[in-house]
Amino acid sequence: MDVVKVNLLMIIVNDEFQEEMLELLGENDYMATMVASTGEFLQYGNTTFILGVDDEETDKLVQLIDKKTSKNRNQYEDSIGVKDIHNRKNIATIFIMKSEQFIKT
């Protein structure tokens, strides 16, 4: 059995950006499970993407997400006139968990 180092990523995005995140993941050949969620964590309607990513690919994916969300954040903030860094809107929150085993049956 081959041992593959895989990270489990949970990417939580505001609902208004879920389609763009799904498109970004698909364009870059990442498959994810999408779960609608709400709660006190971000206090809005959210979508959580859960996916396994090779350890070597994790940084690449995080950079792709950062690039995409930075562009969206700047467009959004310009449209509502946000200039204060304390009022910035978070678009994505990413949890990266190291996996001891990855078994596909």
PDB file of N, CA and C in Angstrom:
ATOM      1  N   MET A   1       0.844  -1.175   0.000  1.00  0.00           N
ATOM      2  CA  MET A   1       0.000   0.000   0.000  1.00  0.00           C
ATOM      3  C   MET A   1       0.893   1.243   0.000  1.00  0.00           C
ATOM      4  N   ASP A   2       0.644   2.150  -0.933  1.00  0.00           N
ATOM      5  CA  ASP A   2       1.402   3.397  -1.000  1.00  0.00           C
ATOM      6  C   ASP A   2       0.942   4.353   0.086  1.00  0.00           C
ATOM      7  N   VAL A   3       1.902   5.023   0.700  1.00  0.00           N
ATOM      8  CA  VAL A   3       1.580   6.029   1.702  1.00  0.00           C
ATOM      9  C   VAL A   3       1.667   7.392   1.036  1.00  0.00           C
ATOM     10  N   VAL A   4       0.572   8.117   1.088  1.00  0.00           N
ATOM     11  CA  VAL A   4       0.506   9.445   0.498  1.00  0.00           C
ATOM     12  C   VAL A   4       0.229  10.438   1.614  1.00  0.00           C
ATOM     13  N   LYS A   5       1.029  11.493   1.684  1.00  0.00           N
ATOM     14  CA  LYS A   5       0.785  12.526   2.688  1.00  0.00           C
ATOM     15  C   LYS A   5      -0.294  13.463   2.158  1.00  0.00           C
ATOM     16  N   VAL A   6      -1.395  13.507   2.894  1.00  0.00           N
ATOM     17  CA  VAL A   6      -2.548  14.298   2.472  1.00  0.00           C
ATOM     18  C   VAL A   6      -2.978  15.196   3.623  1.00  0.00           C
ATOM     19  N   ASN A   7      -3.333  16.416   3.289  1.00  0.00           N
ATOM     20  CA  ASN A   7      -3.899  17.338   4.271  1.00  0.00           C
ATOM     21  C   ASN A   7      -5.399  17.420   4.051  1.00  0.00           C
ATOM     22  N   LEU A   8      -6.134  17.520   5.139  1.00  0.00           N
ATOM     23  CA  LEU A   8      -7.572  17.744   5.068  1.00  0.00           C
ATOM     24  C   LEU A   8      -7.791  19.245   5.181  1.00  0.00           C
ATOM     25  N   LEU A   9      -8.406  19.825   4.165  1.00  0.00           N
ATOM     26  CA  LEU A   9      -8.685  21.258   4.178  1.00  0.00           C
ATOM     27  C   LEU A   9     -10.169  21.487   4.352  1.00  0.00           C
ATOM     28  N   MET A  10     -10.498  22.427   5.211  1.00  0.00           N
ATOM     29  CA  MET A  10     -11.867  22.924   5.346  1.00  0.00           C
ATOM     30  C   MET A  10     -11.799  24.398   4.978  1.00  0.00           C
ATOM     31  N   ILE A  11     -12.487  24.753   3.912  1.00  0.00           N
ATOM     32  CA  ILE A  11     -12.481  26.127   3.425  1.00  0.00           C
ATOM     33  C   ILE A  11     -13.892  26.670   3.620  1.00  0.00           C
ATOM     34  N   ILE A  12     -14.025  27.663   4.480  1.00  0.00           N
ATOM     35  CA  ILE A  12     -15.334  28.243   4.778  1.00  0.00           C
ATOM     36  C   ILE A  12     -15.420  29.588   4.064  1.00  0.00           C
ATOM     37  N   VAL A  13     -16.434  29.731   3.208  1.00  0.00           N
ATOM     38  CA  VAL A  13     -16.611  30.978   2.465  1.00  0.00           C
ATOM     39  C   VAL A  13     -18.014  31.516   2.681  1.00  0.00           C
ATOM     40  N   ASN A  14     -18.157  32.826   2.551  1.00  0.00           N
ATOM     41  CA  ASN A  14     -19.477  33.438   2.573  1.00  0.00           C
ATOM     42  C   ASN A  14     -20.265  32.900   1.392  1.00  0.00           C
ATOM     43  N   ASP A  15     -21.563  32.675   1.596  1.00  0.00           N
ATOM     44  CA  ASP A  15     -22.399  32.100   0.540  1.00  0.00           C
ATOM     45  C   ASP A  15     -22.293  32.844  -0.785  1.00  0.00           C
ATOM     46  N   GLU A  16     -22.126  34.154  -0.726  1.00  0.00           N
ATOM     47  CA  GLU A  16     -22.086  34.924  -1.967  1.00  0.00           C
ATOM     48  C   GLU A  16     -20.865  34.589  -2.828  1.00  0.00           C
ATOM     49  N   PHE A  17     -19.867  33.912  -2.263  1.00  0.00           N
ATOM     50  CA  PHE A  17     -18.669  33.555  -3.013  1.00  0.00           C
ATOM     51  C   PHE A  17     -18.546  32.053  -3.264  1.00  0.00           C
ATOM     52  N   GLN A  18     -19.589  31.281  -2.919  1.00  0.00           N
ATOM     53  CA  GLN A  18     -19.482  29.828  -3.054  1.00  0.00           C
ATOM     54  C   GLN A  18     -19.299  29.379  -4.498  1.00  0.00           C
ATOM     55  N   GLU A  19     -20.002  29.997  -5.421  1.00  0.00           N
ATOM     56  CA  GLU A  19     -19.878  29.578  -6.821  1.00  0.00           C
ATOM     57  C   GLU A  19     -18.489  29.865  -7.369  1.00  0.00           C
ATOM     58  N   GLU A  20     -17.927  31.007  -6.989  1.00  0.00           N
ATOM     59  CA  GLU A  20     -16.581  31.337  -7.445  1.00  0.00           C
ATOM     60  C   GLU A  20     -15.550  30.369  -6.872  1.00  0.00           C
ATOM     61  N   MET A  21     -15.730  29.955  -5.610  1.00  0.00           N
ATOM     62  CA  MET A  21     -14.803  29.001  -5.010  1.00  0.00           C
ATOM     63  C   MET A  21     -14.939  27.638  -5.675  1.00  0.00           C
ATOM     64  N   LEU A  22     -16.173  27.224  -5.935  1.00  0.00           N
ATOM     65  CA  LEU A  22     -16.410  25.951  -6.611  1.00  0.00           C
ATOM     66  C   LEU A  22     -15.765  25.962  -7.998  1.00  0.00           C
ATOM     67  N   GLU A  23     -15.888  27.077  -8.690  1.00  0.00           N
ATOM     68  CA  GLU A  23     -15.283  27.225 -10.013  1.00  0.00           C
ATOM     69  C   GLU A  23     -13.754  27.176  -9.922  1.00  0.00           C
ATOM     70  N   LEU A  24     -13.187  27.876  -8.949  1.00  0.00           N
ATOM     71  CA  LEU A  24     -11.733  27.884  -8.760  1.00  0.00           C
ATOM     72  C   LEU A  24     -11.209  26.474  -8.494  1.00  0.00           C
ATOM     73  N   LEU A  25     -11.891  25.746  -7.613  1.00  0.00           N
ATOM     74  CA  LEU A  25     -11.466  24.381  -7.302  1.00  0.00           C
ATOM     75  C   LEU A  25     -11.568  23.490  -8.538  1.00  0.00           C
ATOM     76  N   GLY A  26     -12.681  23.587  -9.261  1.00  0.00           N
ATOM     77  CA  GLY A  26     -12.882  22.761 -10.451  1.00  0.00           C
ATOM     78  C   GLY A  26     -11.882  23.054 -11.555  1.00  0.00           C
ATOM     79  N   GLU A  27     -11.603  24.335 -11.784  1.00  0.00           N
ATOM     80  CA  GLU A  27     -10.648  24.726 -12.826  1.00  0.00           C
ATOM     81  C   GLU A  27      -9.251  24.190 -12.548  1.00  0.00           C
ATOM     82  N   ASN A  28      -8.954  23.953 -11.277  1.00  0.00           N
ATOM     83  CA  ASN A  28      -7.626  23.482 -10.891  1.00  0.00           C
ATOM     84  C   ASN A  28      -7.624  22.006 -10.488  1.00  0.00           C
ATOM     85  N   ASP A  29      -8.672  21.290 -10.900  1.00  0.00           N
ATOM     86  CA  ASP A  29      -8.789  19.838 -10.716  1.00  0.00           C
ATOM     87  C   ASP A  29      -8.812  19.378  -9.259  1.00  0.00           C
ATOM     88  N   TYR A  30      -9.390  20.191  -8.381  1.00  0.00           N
ATOM     89  CA  TYR A  30      -9.599  19.780  -6.994  1.00  0.00           C
ATOM     90  C   TYR A  30     -11.058  19.384  -6.841  1.00  0.00           C
ATOM     91  N   MET A  31     -11.291  18.232  -6.232  1.00  0.00           N
ATOM     92  CA  MET A  31     -12.653  17.784  -5.966  1.00  0.00           C
ATOM     93  C   MET A  31     -12.937  18.000  -4.484  1.00  0.00           C
ATOM     94  N   ALA A  32     -14.116  18.529  -4.192  1.00  0.00           N
ATOM     95  CA  ALA A  32     -14.447  18.852  -2.809  1.00  0.00           C
ATOM     96  C   ALA A  32     -15.884  18.477  -2.505  1.00  0.00           C
ATOM     97  N   THR A  33     -16.144  18.249  -1.237  1.00  0.00           N
ATOM     98  CA  THR A  33     -17.506  18.098  -0.748  1.00  0.00           C
ATOM     99  C   THR A  33     -17.945  19.468  -0.258  1.00  0.00           C
ATOM    100  N   MET A  34     -19.126  19.886  -0.664  1.00  0.00           N
ATOM    101  CA  MET A  34     -19.631  21.211  -0.322  1.00  0.00           C
ATOM    102  C   MET A  34     -20.778  21.048   0.674  1.00  0.00           C
ATOM    103  N   VAL A  35     -20.694  21.774   1.797  1.00  0.00           N
ATOM    104  CA  VAL A  35     -21.701  21.688   2.848  1.00  0.00           C
ATOM    105  C   VAL A  35     -22.169  23.101   3.192  1.00  0.00           C
ATOM    106  N   ALA A  36     -23.474  23.341   3.135  1.00  0.00           N
ATOM    107  CA  ALA A  36     -24.014  24.635   3.555  1.00  0.00           C
ATOM    108  C   ALA A  36     -23.986  24.682   5.078  1.00  0.00           C
ATOM    109  N   SER A  37     -23.614  25.831   5.628  1.00  0.00           N
ATOM    110  CA  SER A  37     -23.513  25.930   7.082  1.00  0.00           C
ATOM    111  C   SER A  37     -23.867  27.339   7.547  1.00  0.00           C
ATOM    112  N   THR A  38     -24.340  27.416   8.771  1.00  0.00           N
ATOM    113  CA  THR A  38     -24.576  28.698   9.424  1.00  0.00           C
ATOM    114  C   THR A  38     -24.141  28.542  10.870  1.00  0.00           C
ATOM    115  N   GLY A  39     -24.021  29.632  11.550  1.00  0.00           N
ATOM    116  CA  GLY A  39     -23.654  29.525  12.954  1.00  0.00           C
ATOM    117  C   GLY A  39     -22.922  30.746  13.424  1.00  0.00           C
ATOM    118  N   GLU A  40     -22.426  30.672  14.619  1.00  0.00           N
ATOM    119  CA  GLU A  40     -21.797  31.827  15.227  1.00  0.00           C
ATOM    120  C   GLU A  40     -20.372  32.054  14.759  1.00  0.00           C
ATOM    121  N   PHE A  41     -19.763  31.078  14.087  1.00  0.00           N
ATOM    122  CA  PHE A  41     -18.361  31.235  13.703  1.00  0.00           C
ATOM    123  C   PHE A  41     -18.162  32.476  12.841  1.00  0.00           C
ATOM    124  N   LEU A  42     -18.865  32.567  11.739  1.00  0.00           N
ATOM    125  CA  LEU A  42     -18.780  33.760  10.897  1.00  0.00           C
ATOM    126  C   LEU A  42     -20.095  34.535  10.878  1.00  0.00           C
ATOM    127  N   GLN A  43     -21.110  34.028  11.534  1.00  0.00           N
ATOM    128  CA  GLN A  43     -22.397  34.677  11.762  1.00  0.00           C
ATOM    129  C   GLN A  43     -23.197  34.982  10.501  1.00  0.00           C
ATOM    130  N   TYR A  44     -22.923  34.341   9.419  1.00  0.00           N
ATOM    131  CA  TYR A  44     -23.664  34.531   8.183  1.00  0.00           C
ATOM    132  C   TYR A  44     -23.877  33.170   7.554  1.00  0.00           C
ATOM    133  N   GLY A  45     -24.614  33.139   6.447  1.00  0.00           N
ATOM    134  CA  GLY A  45     -24.719  31.906   5.686  1.00  0.00           C
ATOM    135  C   GLY A  45     -23.366  31.611   5.068  1.00  0.00           C
ATOM    136  N   ASN A  46     -22.898  30.407   5.251  1.00  0.00           N
ATOM    137  CA  ASN A  46     -21.581  30.022   4.753  1.00  0.00           C
ATOM    138  C   ASN A  46     -21.671  28.717   3.997  1.00  0.00           C
ATOM    139  N   THR A  47     -20.657  28.464   3.217  1.00  0.00           N
ATOM    140  CA  THR A  47     -20.488  27.171   2.584  1.00  0.00           C
ATOM    141  C   THR A  47     -19.112  26.662   2.978  1.00  0.00           C
ATOM    142  N   THR A  48     -19.064  25.406   3.394  1.00  0.00           N
ATOM    143  CA  THR A  48     -17.802  24.788   3.782  1.00  0.00           C
ATOM    144  C   THR A  48     -17.426  23.762   2.722  1.00  0.00           C
ATOM    145  N   PHE A  49     -16.224  23.901   2.194  1.00  0.00           N
ATOM    146  CA  PHE A  49     -15.679  22.939   1.246  1.00  0.00           C
ATOM    147  C   PHE A  49     -14.700  22.056   2.010  1.00  0.00           C
ATOM    148  N   ILE A  50     -14.859  20.748   1.879  1.00  0.00           N
ATOM    149  CA  ILE A  50     -13.975  19.798   2.550  1.00  0.00           C
ATOM    150  C   ILE A  50     -13.266  18.998   1.465  1.00  0.00           C
ATOM    151  N   LEU A  51     -11.937  18.978   1.528  1.00  0.00           N
ATOM    152  CA  LEU A  51     -11.204  18.243   0.511  1.00  0.00           C
ATOM    153  C   LEU A  51      -9.864  17.755   1.032  1.00  0.00           C
ATOM    154  N   GLY A  52      -9.389  16.691   0.433  1.00  0.00           N
ATOM    155  CA  GLY A  52      -8.063  16.171   0.718  1.00  0.00           C
ATOM    156  C   GLY A  52      -7.114  16.650  -0.362  1.00  0.00           C
ATOM    157  N   VAL A  53      -5.963  17.172   0.065  1.00  0.00           N
ATOM    158  CA  VAL A  53      -4.991  17.717  -0.880  1.00  0.00           C
ATOM    159  C   VAL A  53      -3.613  17.157  -0.536  1.00  0.00           C
ATOM    160  N   ASP A  54      -2.888  16.703  -1.559  1.00  0.00           N
ATOM    161  CA  ASP A  54      -1.518  16.248  -1.333  1.00  0.00           C
ATOM    162  C   ASP A  54      -0.748  17.327  -0.584  1.00  0.00           C
ATOM    163  N   ASP A  55       0.086  16.888   0.335  1.00  0.00           N
ATOM    164  CA  ASP A  55       0.864  17.812   1.153  1.00  0.00           C
ATOM    165  C   ASP A  55       1.623  18.819   0.285  1.00  0.00           C
ATOM    166  N   GLU A  56       2.183  18.341  -0.822  1.00  0.00           N
ATOM    167  CA  GLU A  56       2.968  19.206  -1.709  1.00  0.00           C
ATOM    168  C   GLU A  56       2.107  20.218  -2.461  1.00  0.00           C
ATOM    169  N   GLU A  57       0.812  19.959  -2.597  1.00  0.00           N
ATOM    170  CA  GLU A  57      -0.099  20.838  -3.336  1.00  0.00           C
ATOM    171  C   GLU A  57      -0.800  21.867  -2.449  1.00  0.00           C
ATOM    172  N   THR A  58      -0.716  21.696  -1.144  1.00  0.00           N
ATOM    173  CA  THR A  58      -1.487  22.538  -0.223  1.00  0.00           C
ATOM    174  C   THR A  58      -1.138  24.013  -0.365  1.00  0.00           C
ATOM    175  N   ASP A  59       0.146  24.344  -0.370  1.00  0.00           N
ATOM    176  CA  ASP A  59       0.546  25.752  -0.486  1.00  0.00           C
ATOM    177  C   ASP A  59       0.062  26.367  -1.795  1.00  0.00           C
ATOM    178  N   LYS A  60       0.132  25.592  -2.876  1.00  0.00           N
ATOM    179  CA  LYS A  60      -0.332  26.083  -4.176  1.00  0.00           C
ATOM    180  C   LYS A  60      -1.816  26.443  -4.117  1.00  0.00           C
ATOM    181  N   LEU A  61      -2.618  25.563  -3.514  1.00  0.00           N
ATOM    182  CA  LEU A  61      -4.050  25.821  -3.422  1.00  0.00           C
ATOM    183  C   LEU A  61      -4.334  27.038  -2.543  1.00  0.00           C
ATOM    184  N   VAL A  62      -3.648  27.152  -1.426  1.00  0.00           N
ATOM    185  CA  VAL A  62      -3.852  28.304  -0.540  1.00  0.00           C
ATOM    186  C   VAL A  62      -3.507  29.601  -1.274  1.00  0.00           C
ATOM    187  N   GLN A  63      -2.443  29.589  -2.063  1.00  0.00           N
ATOM    188  CA  GLN A  63      -2.075  30.781  -2.834  1.00  0.00           C
ATOM    189  C   GLN A  63      -3.130  31.118  -3.883  1.00  0.00           C
ATOM    190  N   LEU A  64      -3.682  30.097  -4.552  1.00  0.00           N
ATOM    191  CA  LEU A  64      -4.755  30.333  -5.529  1.00  0.00           C
ATOM    192  C   LEU A  64      -5.969  30.974  -4.861  1.00  0.00           C
ATOM    193  N   ILE A  65      -6.333  30.449  -3.694  1.00  0.00           N
ATOM    194  CA  ILE A  65      -7.486  30.986  -2.962  1.00  0.00           C
ATOM    195  C   ILE A  65      -7.206  32.414  -2.520  1.00  0.00           C
ATOM    196  N   ASP A  66      -6.005  32.661  -2.002  1.00  0.00           N
ATOM    197  CA  ASP A  66      -5.649  34.007  -1.545  1.00  0.00           C
ATOM    198  C   ASP A  66      -5.704  35.009  -2.693  1.00  0.00           C
ATOM    199  N   LYS A  67      -5.181  34.615  -3.837  1.00  0.00           N
ATOM    200  CA  LYS A  67      -5.199  35.505  -5.009  1.00  0.00           C
ATOM    201  C   LYS A  67      -6.635  35.832  -5.415  1.00  0.00           C
ATOM    202  N   LYS A  68      -7.483  34.810  -5.465  1.00  0.00           N
ATOM    203  CA  LYS A  68      -8.879  34.998  -5.875  1.00  0.00           C
ATOM    204  C   LYS A  68      -9.644  35.837  -4.856  1.00  0.00           C
ATOM    205  N   THR A  69      -9.480  35.533  -3.575  1.00  0.00           N
ATOM    206  CA  THR A  69     -10.243  36.257  -2.560  1.00  0.00           C
ATOM    207  C   THR A  69      -9.744  37.689  -2.394  1.00  0.00           C
ATOM    208  N   SER A  70      -8.452  37.924  -2.596  1.00  0.00           N
ATOM    209  CA  SER A  70      -7.930  39.295  -2.514  1.00  0.00           C
ATOM    210  C   SER A  70      -8.549  40.161  -3.596  1.00  0.00           C
ATOM    211  N   LYS A  71      -8.645  39.616  -4.801  1.00  0.00           N
ATOM    212  CA  LYS A  71      -9.263  40.349  -5.910  1.00  0.00           C
ATOM    213  C   LYS A  71     -10.728  40.647  -5.591  1.00  0.00           C
ATOM    214  N   ASN A  72     -11.458  39.632  -5.116  1.00  0.00           N
ATOM    215  CA  ASN A  72     -12.873  39.819  -4.782  1.00  0.00           C
ATOM    216  C   ASN A  72     -13.049  40.800  -3.631  1.00  0.00           C
ATOM    217  N   ARG A  73     -12.189  40.706  -2.617  1.00  0.00           N
ATOM    218  CA  ARG A  73     -12.295  41.597  -1.459  1.00  0.00           C
ATOM    219  C   ARG A  73     -12.087  43.044  -1.891  1.00  0.00           C
ATOM    220  N   ASN A  74     -11.087  43.283  -2.730  1.00  0.00           N
ATOM    221  CA  ASN A  74     -10.817  44.646  -3.188  1.00  0.00           C
ATOM    222  C   ASN A  74     -11.986  45.202  -3.991  1.00  0.00           C
ATOM    223  N   GLN A  75     -12.569  44.384  -4.870  1.00  0.00           N
ATOM    224  CA  GLN A  75     -13.722  44.836  -5.651  1.00  0.00           C
ATOM    225  C   GLN A  75     -14.904  45.134  -4.739  1.00  0.00           C
ATOM    226  N   TYR A  76     -15.143  44.262  -3.764  1.00  0.00           N
ATOM    227  CA  TYR A  76     -16.258  44.446  -2.838  1.00  0.00           C
ATOM    228  C   TYR A  76     -16.052  45.708  -2.002  1.00  0.00           C
ATOM    229  N   GLU A  77     -14.864  45.872  -1.441  1.00  0.00           N
ATOM    230  CA  GLU A  77     -14.601  47.027  -0.584  1.00  0.00           C
ATOM    231  C   GLU A  77     -14.667  48.328  -1.369  1.00  0.00           C
ATOM    232  N   ASP A  78     -14.188  48.322  -2.610  1.00  0.00           N
ATOM    233  CA  ASP A  78     -14.288  49.521  -3.441  1.00  0.00           C
ATOM    234  C   ASP A  78     -15.745  49.879  -3.703  1.00  0.00           C
ATOM    235  N   SER A  79     -16.585  48.850  -3.898  1.00  0.00           N
ATOM    236  CA  SER A  79     -17.993  49.117  -4.217  1.00  0.00           C
ATOM    237  C   SER A  79     -18.757  49.714  -3.037  1.00  0.00           C
ATOM    238  N   ILE A  80     -18.319  49.418  -1.800  1.00  0.00           N
ATOM    239  CA  ILE A  80     -19.020  49.978  -0.636  1.00  0.00           C
ATOM    240  C   ILE A  80     -18.198  51.057   0.068  1.00  0.00           C
ATOM    241  N   GLY A  81     -17.025  51.368  -0.474  1.00  0.00           N
ATOM    242  CA  GLY A  81     -16.221  52.457   0.056  1.00  0.00           C
ATOM    243  C   GLY A  81     -15.462  52.141   1.336  1.00  0.00           C
ATOM    244  N   VAL A  82     -15.075  50.894   1.557  1.00  0.00           N
ATOM    245  CA  VAL A  82     -14.319  50.535   2.765  1.00  0.00           C
ATOM    246  C   VAL A  82     -12.852  50.895   2.562  1.00  0.00           C
ATOM    247  N   LYS A  83     -12.334  51.707   3.450  1.00  0.00           N
ATOM    248  CA  LYS A  83     -10.915  52.069   3.395  1.00  0.00           C
ATOM    249  C   LYS A  83     -10.195  51.688   4.683  1.00  0.00           C
ATOM    250  N   ASP A  84     -10.931  51.431   5.744  1.00  0.00           N
ATOM    251  CA  ASP A  84     -10.365  51.118   7.054  1.00  0.00           C
ATOM    252  C   ASP A  84     -10.077  49.623   7.143  1.00  0.00           C
ATOM    253  N   ILE A  85      -8.839  49.259   7.469  1.00  0.00           N
ATOM    254  CA  ILE A  85      -8.454  47.847   7.537  1.00  0.00           C
ATOM    255  C   ILE A  85      -9.275  47.077   8.571  1.00  0.00           C
ATOM    256  N   HIS A  86      -9.796  47.751   9.597  1.00  0.00           N
ATOM    257  CA  HIS A  86     -10.584  47.079  10.634  1.00  0.00           C
ATOM    258  C   HIS A  86     -11.979  46.689  10.144  1.00  0.00           C
ATOM    259  N   ASN A  87     -12.405  47.235   9.025  1.00  0.00           N
ATOM    260  CA  ASN A  87     -13.719  46.909   8.468  1.00  0.00           C
ATOM    261  C   ASN A  87     -13.624  45.952   7.284  1.00  0.00           C
ATOM    262  N   ARG A  88     -12.470  45.341   7.102  1.00  0.00           N
ATOM    263  CA  ARG A  88     -12.281  44.442   5.963  1.00  0.00           C
ATOM    264  C   ARG A  88     -13.185  43.227   6.070  1.00  0.00           C
ATOM    265  N   LYS A  89     -13.610  42.742   4.941  1.00  0.00           N
ATOM    266  CA  LYS A  89     -14.496  41.585   4.881  1.00  0.00           C
ATOM    267  C   LYS A  89     -13.664  40.335   4.596  1.00  0.00           C
ATOM    268  N   ASN A  90     -13.785  39.333   5.464  1.00  0.00           N
ATOM    269  CA  ASN A  90     -13.139  38.052   5.200  1.00  0.00           C
ATOM    270  C   ASN A  90     -13.999  37.274   4.223  1.00  0.00           C
ATOM    271  N   ILE A  91     -13.379  36.727   3.214  1.00  0.00           N
ATOM    272  CA  ILE A  91     -14.103  35.949   2.218  1.00  0.00           C
ATOM    273  C   ILE A  91     -13.933  34.461   2.475  1.00  0.00           C
ATOM    274  N   ALA A  92     -12.744  34.059   2.901  1.00  0.00           N
ATOM    275  CA  ALA A  92     -12.494  32.634   3.139  1.00  0.00           C
ATOM    276  C   ALA A  92     -11.691  32.441   4.419  1.00  0.00           C
ATOM    277  N   THR A  93     -12.031  31.383   5.132  1.00  0.00           N
ATOM    278  CA  THR A  93     -11.254  30.925   6.278  1.00  0.00           C
ATOM    279  C   THR A  93     -10.841  29.499   5.965  1.00  0.00           C
ATOM    280  N   ILE A  94      -9.548  29.213   6.080  1.00  0.00           N
ATOM    281  CA  ILE A  94      -9.028  27.900   5.692  1.00  0.00           C
ATOM    282  C   ILE A  94      -8.422  27.210   6.908  1.00  0.00           C
ATOM    283  N   PHE A  95      -8.893  25.998   7.173  1.00  0.00           N
ATOM    284  CA  PHE A  95      -8.297  25.149   8.195  1.00  0.00           C
ATOM    285  C   PHE A  95      -7.523  24.052   7.468  1.00  0.00           C
ATOM    286  N   ILE A  96      -6.273  23.840   7.868  1.00  0.00           N
ATOM    287  CA  ILE A  96      -5.442  22.796   7.268  1.00  0.00           C
ATOM    288  C   ILE A  96      -5.068  21.820   8.375  1.00  0.00           C
ATOM    289  N   MET A  97      -5.477  20.570   8.185  1.00  0.00           N
ATOM    290  CA  MET A  97      -5.203  19.539   9.181  1.00  0.00           C
ATOM    291  C   MET A  97      -4.340  18.451   8.562  1.00  0.00           C
ATOM    292  N   LYS A  98      -3.224  18.192   9.195  1.00  0.00           N
ATOM    293  CA  LYS A  98      -2.338  17.125   8.727  1.00  0.00           C
ATOM    294  C   LYS A  98      -3.015  15.782   8.979  1.00  0.00           C
ATOM    295  N   SER A  99      -2.936  14.914   8.020  1.00  0.00           N
ATOM    296  CA  SER A  99      -3.569  13.605   8.124  1.00  0.00           C
ATOM    297  C   SER A  99      -2.501  12.540   8.343  1.00  0.00           C
ATOM    298  N   GLU A 100      -2.739  11.670   9.309  1.00  0.00           N
ATOM    299  CA  GLU A 100      -1.798  10.576   9.543  1.00  0.00           C
ATOM    300  C   GLU A 100      -1.969   9.474   8.511  1.00  0.00           C
ATOM    301  N   GLN A 101      -3.205   9.253   8.092  1.00  0.00           N
ATOM    302  CA  GLN A 101      -3.479   8.223   7.100  1.00  0.00           C
ATOM    303  C   GLN A 101      -4.537   8.710   6.132  1.00  0.00           C
ATOM    304  N   PHE A 102      -4.414   8.252   4.914  1.00  0.00           N
ATOM    305  CA  PHE A 102      -5.417   8.510   3.892  1.00  0.00           C
ATOM    306  C   PHE A 102      -5.689   7.177   3.220  1.00  0.00           C
ATOM    307  N   ILE A 103      -6.881   6.663   3.416  1.00  0.00           N
ATOM    308  CA  ILE A 103      -7.232   5.353   2.875  1.00  0.00           C
ATOM    309  C   ILE A 103      -8.427   5.520   1.959  1.00  0.00           C
ATOM    310  N   LYS A 104      -8.293   5.028   0.755  1.00  0.00           N
ATOM    311  CA  LYS A 104      -9.374   5.086  -0.219  1.00  0.00           C
ATOM    312  C   LYS A 104      -9.767   3.649  -0.534  1.00  0.00           C
ATOM    313  N   THR A 105     -11.021   3.295  -0.265  1.00  0.00           N
ATOM    314  CA  THR A 105     -11.443   1.915  -0.512  1.00  0.00           C
ATOM    315  C   THR A 105     -12.457   1.843  -1.619  1.00  0.00           C
TER     316      THR A 105
END
